[in-house]
Amino acid sequence: KITAYIEQAKKDEGVEIIAGGNHSKEE
């Protein structure tokens, strides 16, 4: 749920990620 919002924010206009944005559920 959380990462879906982050990935959408990367695509939307007028929105900037200035820190973070990465994620993994491998471990």
PDB file of all heavy atoms in Angstrom:
ATOM      1  N   LYS A   1       0.826  -1.208   0.000  1.00  0.00           N
ATOM      2  CA  LYS A   1       0.000   0.000   0.000  1.00  0.00           C
ATOM      3  C   LYS A   1       0.860   1.258   0.000  1.00  0.00           C
ATOM      4  O   LYS A   1       0.653   2.178  -0.799  1.00  0.00           O
ATOM      5  CB  LYS A   1      -0.919   0.000   1.220  1.00  0.00           C
ATOM      6  CG  LYS A   1      -1.713   1.295   1.384  1.00  0.00           C
ATOM      7  CD  LYS A   1      -2.481   1.331   2.693  1.00  0.00           C
ATOM      8  CE  LYS A   1      -3.142   2.701   2.903  1.00  0.00           C
ATOM      9  NZ  LYS A   1      -3.861   2.772   4.197  1.00  0.00           N
ATOM     10  N   ILE A   2       1.839   1.291   0.891  1.00  0.00           N
ATOM     11  CA  ILE A   2       2.677   2.487   1.029  1.00  0.00           C
ATOM     12  C   ILE A   2       3.503   2.727  -0.229  1.00  0.00           C
ATOM     13  O   ILE A   2       3.587   3.854  -0.732  1.00  0.00           O
ATOM     14  CB  ILE A   2       3.593   2.345   2.261  1.00  0.00           C
ATOM     15  CG1 ILE A   2       2.754   2.232   3.542  1.00  0.00           C
ATOM     16  CG2 ILE A   2       4.549   3.536   2.366  1.00  0.00           C
ATOM     17  CD1 ILE A   2       3.529   1.654   4.720  1.00  0.00           C
ATOM     18  N   THR A   3       4.117   1.679  -0.735  1.00  0.00           N
ATOM     19  CA  THR A   3       4.989   1.852  -1.906  1.00  0.00           C
ATOM     20  C   THR A   3       4.193   2.227  -3.156  1.00  0.00           C
ATOM     21  O   THR A   3       4.731   2.881  -4.056  1.00  0.00           O
ATOM     22  CB  THR A   3       5.810   0.588  -2.170  1.00  0.00           C
ATOM     23  OG1 THR A   3       4.936  -0.546  -2.314  1.00  0.00           O
ATOM     24  CG2 THR A   3       6.770   0.331  -1.018  1.00  0.00           C
ATOM     25  N   ALA A   4       2.936   1.840  -3.222  1.00  0.00           N
ATOM     26  CA  ALA A   4       2.102   2.240  -4.368  1.00  0.00           C
ATOM     27  C   ALA A   4       1.949   3.756  -4.400  1.00  0.00           C
ATOM     28  O   ALA A   4       1.986   4.373  -5.482  1.00  0.00           O
ATOM     29  CB  ALA A   4       0.739   1.563  -4.289  1.00  0.00           C
ATOM     30  N   TYR A   5       1.768   4.380  -3.226  1.00  0.00           N
ATOM     31  CA  TYR A   5       1.682   5.845  -3.172  1.00  0.00           C
ATOM     32  C   TYR A   5       3.004   6.485  -3.585  1.00  0.00           C
ATOM     33  O   TYR A   5       3.027   7.503  -4.291  1.00  0.00           O
ATOM     34  CB  TYR A   5       1.311   6.301  -1.758  1.00  0.00           C
ATOM     35  CG  TYR A   5      -0.145   6.165  -1.407  1.00  0.00           C
ATOM     36  CD1 TYR A   5      -0.615   5.066  -0.694  1.00  0.00           C
ATOM     37  CD2 TYR A   5      -1.063   7.148  -1.768  1.00  0.00           C
ATOM     38  CE1 TYR A   5      -1.952   4.945  -0.352  1.00  0.00           C
ATOM     39  CE2 TYR A   5      -2.407   7.032  -1.432  1.00  0.00           C
ATOM     40  CZ  TYR A   5      -2.841   5.924  -0.721  1.00  0.00           C
ATOM     41  OH  TYR A   5      -4.169   5.819  -0.393  1.00  0.00           O
ATOM     42  N   ILE A   6       4.113   5.900  -3.153  1.00  0.00           N
ATOM     43  CA  ILE A   6       5.421   6.445  -3.501  1.00  0.00           C
ATOM     44  C   ILE A   6       5.654   6.371  -5.002  1.00  0.00           C
ATOM     45  O   ILE A   6       6.109   7.347  -5.634  1.00  0.00           O
ATOM     46  CB  ILE A   6       6.532   5.691  -2.739  1.00  0.00           C
ATOM     47  CG1 ILE A   6       6.421   5.970  -1.234  1.00  0.00           C
ATOM     48  CG2 ILE A   6       7.914   6.095  -3.252  1.00  0.00           C
ATOM     49  CD1 ILE A   6       7.371   5.147  -0.384  1.00  0.00           C
ATOM     50  N   GLU A   7       5.341   5.231  -5.597  1.00  0.00           N
ATOM     51  CA  GLU A   7       5.566   5.069  -7.043  1.00  0.00           C
ATOM     52  C   GLU A   7       4.664   6.001  -7.845  1.00  0.00           C
ATOM     53  O   GLU A   7       5.071   6.533  -8.882  1.00  0.00           O
ATOM     54  CB  GLU A   7       5.335   3.612  -7.436  1.00  0.00           C
ATOM     55  CG  GLU A   7       6.385   2.662  -6.888  1.00  0.00           C
ATOM     56  CD  GLU A   7       7.791   3.084  -7.244  1.00  0.00           C
ATOM     57  OE1 GLU A   7       8.072   3.301  -8.448  1.00  0.00           O
ATOM     58  OE2 GLU A   7       8.623   3.231  -6.325  1.00  0.00           O
ATOM     59  N   GLN A   8       3.440   6.211  -7.378  1.00  0.00           N
ATOM     60  CA  GLN A   8       2.553   7.142  -8.076  1.00  0.00           C
ATOM     61  C   GLN A   8       3.076   8.569  -7.975  1.00  0.00           C
ATOM     62  O   GLN A   8       3.000   9.347  -8.936  1.00  0.00           O
ATOM     63  CB  GLN A   8       1.143   7.059  -7.495  1.00  0.00           C
ATOM     64  CG  GLN A   8       0.105   7.873  -8.241  1.00  0.00           C
ATOM     65  CD  GLN A   8      -0.055   7.446  -9.686  1.00  0.00           C
ATOM     66  OE1 GLN A   8      -0.144   6.251  -9.990  1.00  0.00           O
ATOM     67  NE2 GLN A   8      -0.054   8.414 -10.612  1.00  0.00           N
ATOM     68  N   ALA A   9       3.625   8.916  -6.809  1.00  0.00           N
ATOM     69  CA  ALA A   9       4.175  10.261  -6.623  1.00  0.00           C
ATOM     70  C   ALA A   9       5.323  10.528  -7.573  1.00  0.00           C
ATOM     71  O   ALA A   9       5.515  11.678  -8.018  1.00  0.00           O
ATOM     72  CB  ALA A   9       4.630  10.436  -5.172  1.00  0.00           C
ATOM     73  N   LYS A  10       6.083   9.510  -7.916  1.00  0.00           N
ATOM     74  CA  LYS A  10       7.197   9.670  -8.858  1.00  0.00           C
ATOM     75  C   LYS A  10       6.705  10.050 -10.259  1.00  0.00           C
ATOM     76  O   LYS A  10       7.443  10.650 -11.052  1.00  0.00           O
ATOM     77  CB  LYS A  10       8.016   8.381  -8.935  1.00  0.00           C
ATOM     78  CG  LYS A  10       8.772   8.045  -7.655  1.00  0.00           C
ATOM     79  CD  LYS A  10       9.492   6.704  -7.779  1.00  0.00           C
ATOM     80  CE  LYS A  10      10.244   6.357  -6.495  1.00  0.00           C
ATOM     81  NZ  LYS A  10      10.932   5.036  -6.582  1.00  0.00           N
ATOM     82  N   LYS A  11       5.457   9.728 -10.567  1.00  0.00           N
ATOM     83  CA  LYS A  11       4.908   9.967 -11.897  1.00  0.00           C
ATOM     84  C   LYS A  11       4.103  11.262 -11.987  1.00  0.00           C
ATOM     85  O   LYS A  11       3.923  11.803 -13.083  1.00  0.00           O
ATOM     86  CB  LYS A  11       4.004   8.796 -12.299  1.00  0.00           C
ATOM     87  CG  LYS A  11       4.674   7.442 -12.272  1.00  0.00           C
ATOM     88  CD  LYS A  11       3.648   6.332 -12.523  1.00  0.00           C
ATOM     89  CE  LYS A  11       4.266   4.950 -12.362  1.00  0.00           C
ATOM     90  NZ  LYS A  11       3.250   3.868 -12.527  1.00  0.00           N
ATOM     91  N   ASP A  12       3.566  11.736 -10.878  1.00  0.00           N
ATOM     92  CA  ASP A  12       2.622  12.853 -10.910  1.00  0.00           C
ATOM     93  C   ASP A  12       3.323  14.195 -11.078  1.00  0.00           C
ATOM     94  O   ASP A  12       4.417  14.430 -10.544  1.00  0.00           O
ATOM     95  CB  ASP A  12       1.791  12.869  -9.621  1.00  0.00           C
ATOM     96  CG  ASP A  12       0.807  11.714  -9.555  1.00  0.00           C
ATOM     97  OD1 ASP A  12       0.489  11.142 -10.609  1.00  0.00           O
ATOM     98  OD2 ASP A  12       0.353  11.380  -8.422  1.00  0.00           O
ATOM     99  N   GLU A  13       2.665  15.092 -11.810  1.00  0.00           N
ATOM    100  CA  GLU A  13       3.176  16.448 -11.995  1.00  0.00           C
ATOM    101  C   GLU A  13       2.955  17.271 -10.729  1.00  0.00           C
ATOM    102  O   GLU A  13       2.000  17.055  -9.987  1.00  0.00           O
ATOM    103  CB  GLU A  13       2.469  17.124 -13.174  1.00  0.00           C
ATOM    104  CG  GLU A  13       2.779  16.490 -14.523  1.00  0.00           C
ATOM    105  CD  GLU A  13       2.134  17.239 -15.670  1.00  0.00           C
ATOM    106  OE1 GLU A  13       1.532  18.314 -15.407  1.00  0.00           O
ATOM    107  OE2 GLU A  13       2.223  16.776 -16.807  1.00  0.00           O
ATOM    108  N   GLY A  14       3.854  18.211 -10.501  1.00  0.00           N
ATOM    109  CA  GLY A  14       3.740  19.060  -9.326  1.00  0.00           C
ATOM    110  C   GLY A  14       4.105  18.355  -8.046  1.00  0.00           C
ATOM    111  O   GLY A  14       3.778  18.839  -6.957  1.00  0.00           O
ATOM    112  N   VAL A  15       4.787  17.209  -8.173  1.00  0.00           N
ATOM    113  CA  VAL A  15       5.162  16.405  -7.009  1.00  0.00           C
ATOM    114  C   VAL A  15       6.645  16.060  -7.127  1.00  0.00           C
ATOM    115  O   VAL A  15       7.111  15.625  -8.179  1.00  0.00           O
ATOM    116  CB  VAL A  15       4.338  15.108  -6.927  1.00  0.00           C
ATOM    117  CG1 VAL A  15       4.761  14.268  -5.729  1.00  0.00           C
ATOM    118  CG2 VAL A  15       2.848  15.428  -6.857  1.00  0.00           C
ATOM    119  N   GLU A  16       7.377  16.259  -6.055  1.00  0.00           N
ATOM    120  CA  GLU A  16       8.812  15.973  -6.064  1.00  0.00           C
ATOM    121  C   GLU A  16       9.194  15.193  -4.805  1.00  0.00           C
ATOM    122  O   GLU A  16       8.826  15.578  -3.694  1.00  0.00           O
ATOM    123  CB  GLU A  16       9.624  17.271  -6.126  1.00  0.00           C
ATOM    124  CG  GLU A  16      11.129  17.056  -6.142  1.00  0.00           C
ATOM    125  CD  GLU A  16      11.927  18.349  -6.083  1.00  0.00           C
ATOM    126  OE1 GLU A  16      11.315  19.422  -5.914  1.00  0.00           O
ATOM    127  OE2 GLU A  16      13.161  18.273  -6.177  1.00  0.00           O
ATOM    128  N   ILE A  17       9.927  14.115  -4.995  1.00  0.00           N
ATOM    129  CA  ILE A  17      10.479  13.366  -3.871  1.00  0.00           C
ATOM    130  C   ILE A  17      11.886  13.885  -3.618  1.00  0.00           C
ATOM    131  O   ILE A  17      12.775  13.743  -4.464  1.00  0.00           O
ATOM    132  CB  ILE A  17      10.490  11.855  -4.150  1.00  0.00           C
ATOM    133  CG1 ILE A  17       9.057  11.333  -4.275  1.00  0.00           C
ATOM    134  CG2 ILE A  17      11.221  11.109  -3.033  1.00  0.00           C
ATOM    135  CD1 ILE A  17       8.952   9.849  -4.604  1.00  0.00           C
ATOM    136  N   ILE A  18      12.090  14.518  -2.459  1.00  0.00           N
ATOM    137  CA  ILE A  18      13.395  15.136  -2.168  1.00  0.00           C
ATOM    138  C   ILE A  18      14.269  14.265  -1.273  1.00  0.00           C
ATOM    139  O   ILE A  18      15.444  14.569  -1.073  1.00  0.00           O
ATOM    140  CB  ILE A  18      13.214  16.526  -1.524  1.00  0.00           C
ATOM    141  CG1 ILE A  18      12.512  16.424  -0.170  1.00  0.00           C
ATOM    142  CG2 ILE A  18      12.473  17.462  -2.464  1.00  0.00           C
ATOM    143  CD1 ILE A  18      12.521  17.718   0.629  1.00  0.00           C
ATOM    144  N   ALA A  19      13.713  13.180  -0.744  1.00  0.00           N
ATOM    145  CA  ALA A  19      14.495  12.242   0.076  1.00  0.00           C
ATOM    146  C   ALA A  19      13.813  10.891   0.042  1.00  0.00           C
ATOM    147  O   ALA A  19      12.585  10.796   0.030  1.00  0.00           O
ATOM    148  CB  ALA A  19      14.620  12.737   1.512  1.00  0.00           C
ATOM    149  N   GLY A  20      14.616   9.837   0.013  1.00  0.00           N
ATOM    150  CA  GLY A  20      14.062   8.488   0.046  1.00  0.00           C
ATOM    151  C   GLY A  20      13.429   8.087  -1.264  1.00  0.00           C
ATOM    152  O   GLY A  20      13.895   8.458  -2.343  1.00  0.00           O
ATOM    153  N   GLY A  21      12.372   7.292  -1.172  1.00  0.00           N
ATOM    154  CA  GLY A  21      11.663   6.829  -2.357  1.00  0.00           C
ATOM    155  C   GLY A  21      12.017   5.412  -2.762  1.00  0.00           C
ATOM    156  O   GLY A  21      11.339   4.807  -3.595  1.00  0.00           O
ATOM    157  N   ASN A  22      13.067   4.844  -2.160  1.00  0.00           N
ATOM    158  CA  ASN A  22      13.467   3.483  -2.489  1.00  0.00           C
ATOM    159  C   ASN A  22      12.867   2.493  -1.482  1.00  0.00           C
ATOM    160  O   ASN A  22      12.572   2.853  -0.338  1.00  0.00           O
ATOM    161  CB  ASN A  22      14.991   3.366  -2.488  1.00  0.00           C
ATOM    162  CG  ASN A  22      15.624   4.282  -3.521  1.00  0.00           C
ATOM    163  OD1 ASN A  22      15.188   4.339  -4.669  1.00  0.00           O
ATOM    164  ND2 ASN A  22      16.649   5.018  -3.098  1.00  0.00           N
ATOM    165  N   HIS A  23      12.749   1.253  -1.938  1.00  0.00           N
ATOM    166  CA  HIS A  23      12.148   0.235  -1.073  1.00  0.00           C
ATOM    167  C   HIS A  23      12.473  -1.158  -1.597  1.00  0.00           C
ATOM    168  O   HIS A  23      12.780  -1.334  -2.783  1.00  0.00           O
ATOM    169  CB  HIS A  23      10.628   0.416  -0.994  1.00  0.00           C
ATOM    170  CG  HIS A  23       9.964   0.629  -2.330  1.00  0.00           C
ATOM    171  ND1 HIS A  23       9.578  -0.420  -3.136  1.00  0.00           N
ATOM    172  CD2 HIS A  23       9.624   1.759  -2.994  1.00  0.00           C
ATOM    173  CE1 HIS A  23       9.028   0.058  -4.251  1.00  0.00           C
ATOM    174  NE2 HIS A  23       9.042   1.383  -4.194  1.00  0.00           N
ATOM    175  N   SER A  24      12.392  -2.151  -0.709  1.00  0.00           N
ATOM    176  CA  SER A  24      12.648  -3.542  -1.087  1.00  0.00           C
ATOM    177  C   SER A  24      12.006  -4.463  -0.075  1.00  0.00           C
ATOM    178  O   SER A  24      12.008  -4.187   1.126  1.00  0.00           O
ATOM    179  CB  SER A  24      14.154  -3.812  -1.147  1.00  0.00           C
ATOM    180  OG  SER A  24      14.398  -5.207  -1.307  1.00  0.00           O
ATOM    181  N   LYS A  25      11.456  -5.584  -0.559  1.00  0.00           N
ATOM    182  CA  LYS A  25      10.925  -6.611   0.344  1.00  0.00           C
ATOM    183  C   LYS A  25      11.614  -7.955   0.127  1.00  0.00           C
ATOM    184  O   LYS A  25      11.057  -9.002   0.410  1.00  0.00           O
ATOM    185  CB  LYS A  25       9.412  -6.743   0.191  1.00  0.00           C
ATOM    186  CG  LYS A  25       8.906  -7.088  -1.195  1.00  0.00           C
ATOM    187  CD  LYS A  25       7.373  -7.173  -1.164  1.00  0.00           C
ATOM    188  CE  LYS A  25       6.806  -7.427  -2.561  1.00  0.00           C
ATOM    189  NZ  LYS A  25       5.319  -7.503  -2.554  1.00  0.00           N
ATOM    190  N   GLU A  26      12.848  -7.884  -0.329  1.00  0.00           N
ATOM    191  CA  GLU A  26      13.601  -9.108  -0.574  1.00  0.00           C
ATOM    192  C   GLU A  26      13.931  -9.824   0.733  1.00  0.00           C
ATOM    193  O   GLU A  26      13.766 -11.040   0.857  1.00  0.00           O
ATOM    194  CB  GLU A  26      14.895  -8.786  -1.330  1.00  0.00           C
ATOM    195  CG  GLU A  26      15.700 -10.026  -1.699  1.00  0.00           C
ATOM    196  CD  GLU A  26      16.932  -9.697  -2.521  1.00  0.00           C
ATOM    197  OE1 GLU A  26      17.043  -8.554  -3.004  1.00  0.00           O
ATOM    198  OE2 GLU A  26      17.786 -10.585  -2.676  1.00  0.00           O
ATOM    199  N   GLU A  27      14.413  -9.073   1.722  1.00  0.00           N
ATOM    200  CA  GLU A  27      14.762  -9.670   3.011  1.00  0.00           C
ATOM    201  C   GLU A  27      13.762  -9.307   4.107  1.00  0.00           C
ATOM    202  O   GLU A  27      13.569 -10.056   5.060  1.00  0.00           O
ATOM    203  CB  GLU A  27      16.162  -9.229   3.430  1.00  0.00           C
ATOM    204  CG  GLU A  27      17.254  -9.715   2.484  1.00  0.00           C
ATOM    205  CD  GLU A  27      18.637  -9.297   2.949  1.00  0.00           C
ATOM    206  OE1 GLU A  27      18.734  -8.672   4.031  1.00  0.00           O
ATOM    207  OE2 GLU A  27      19.619  -9.598   2.247  1.00  0.00           O
TER     208      GLU A  27
END
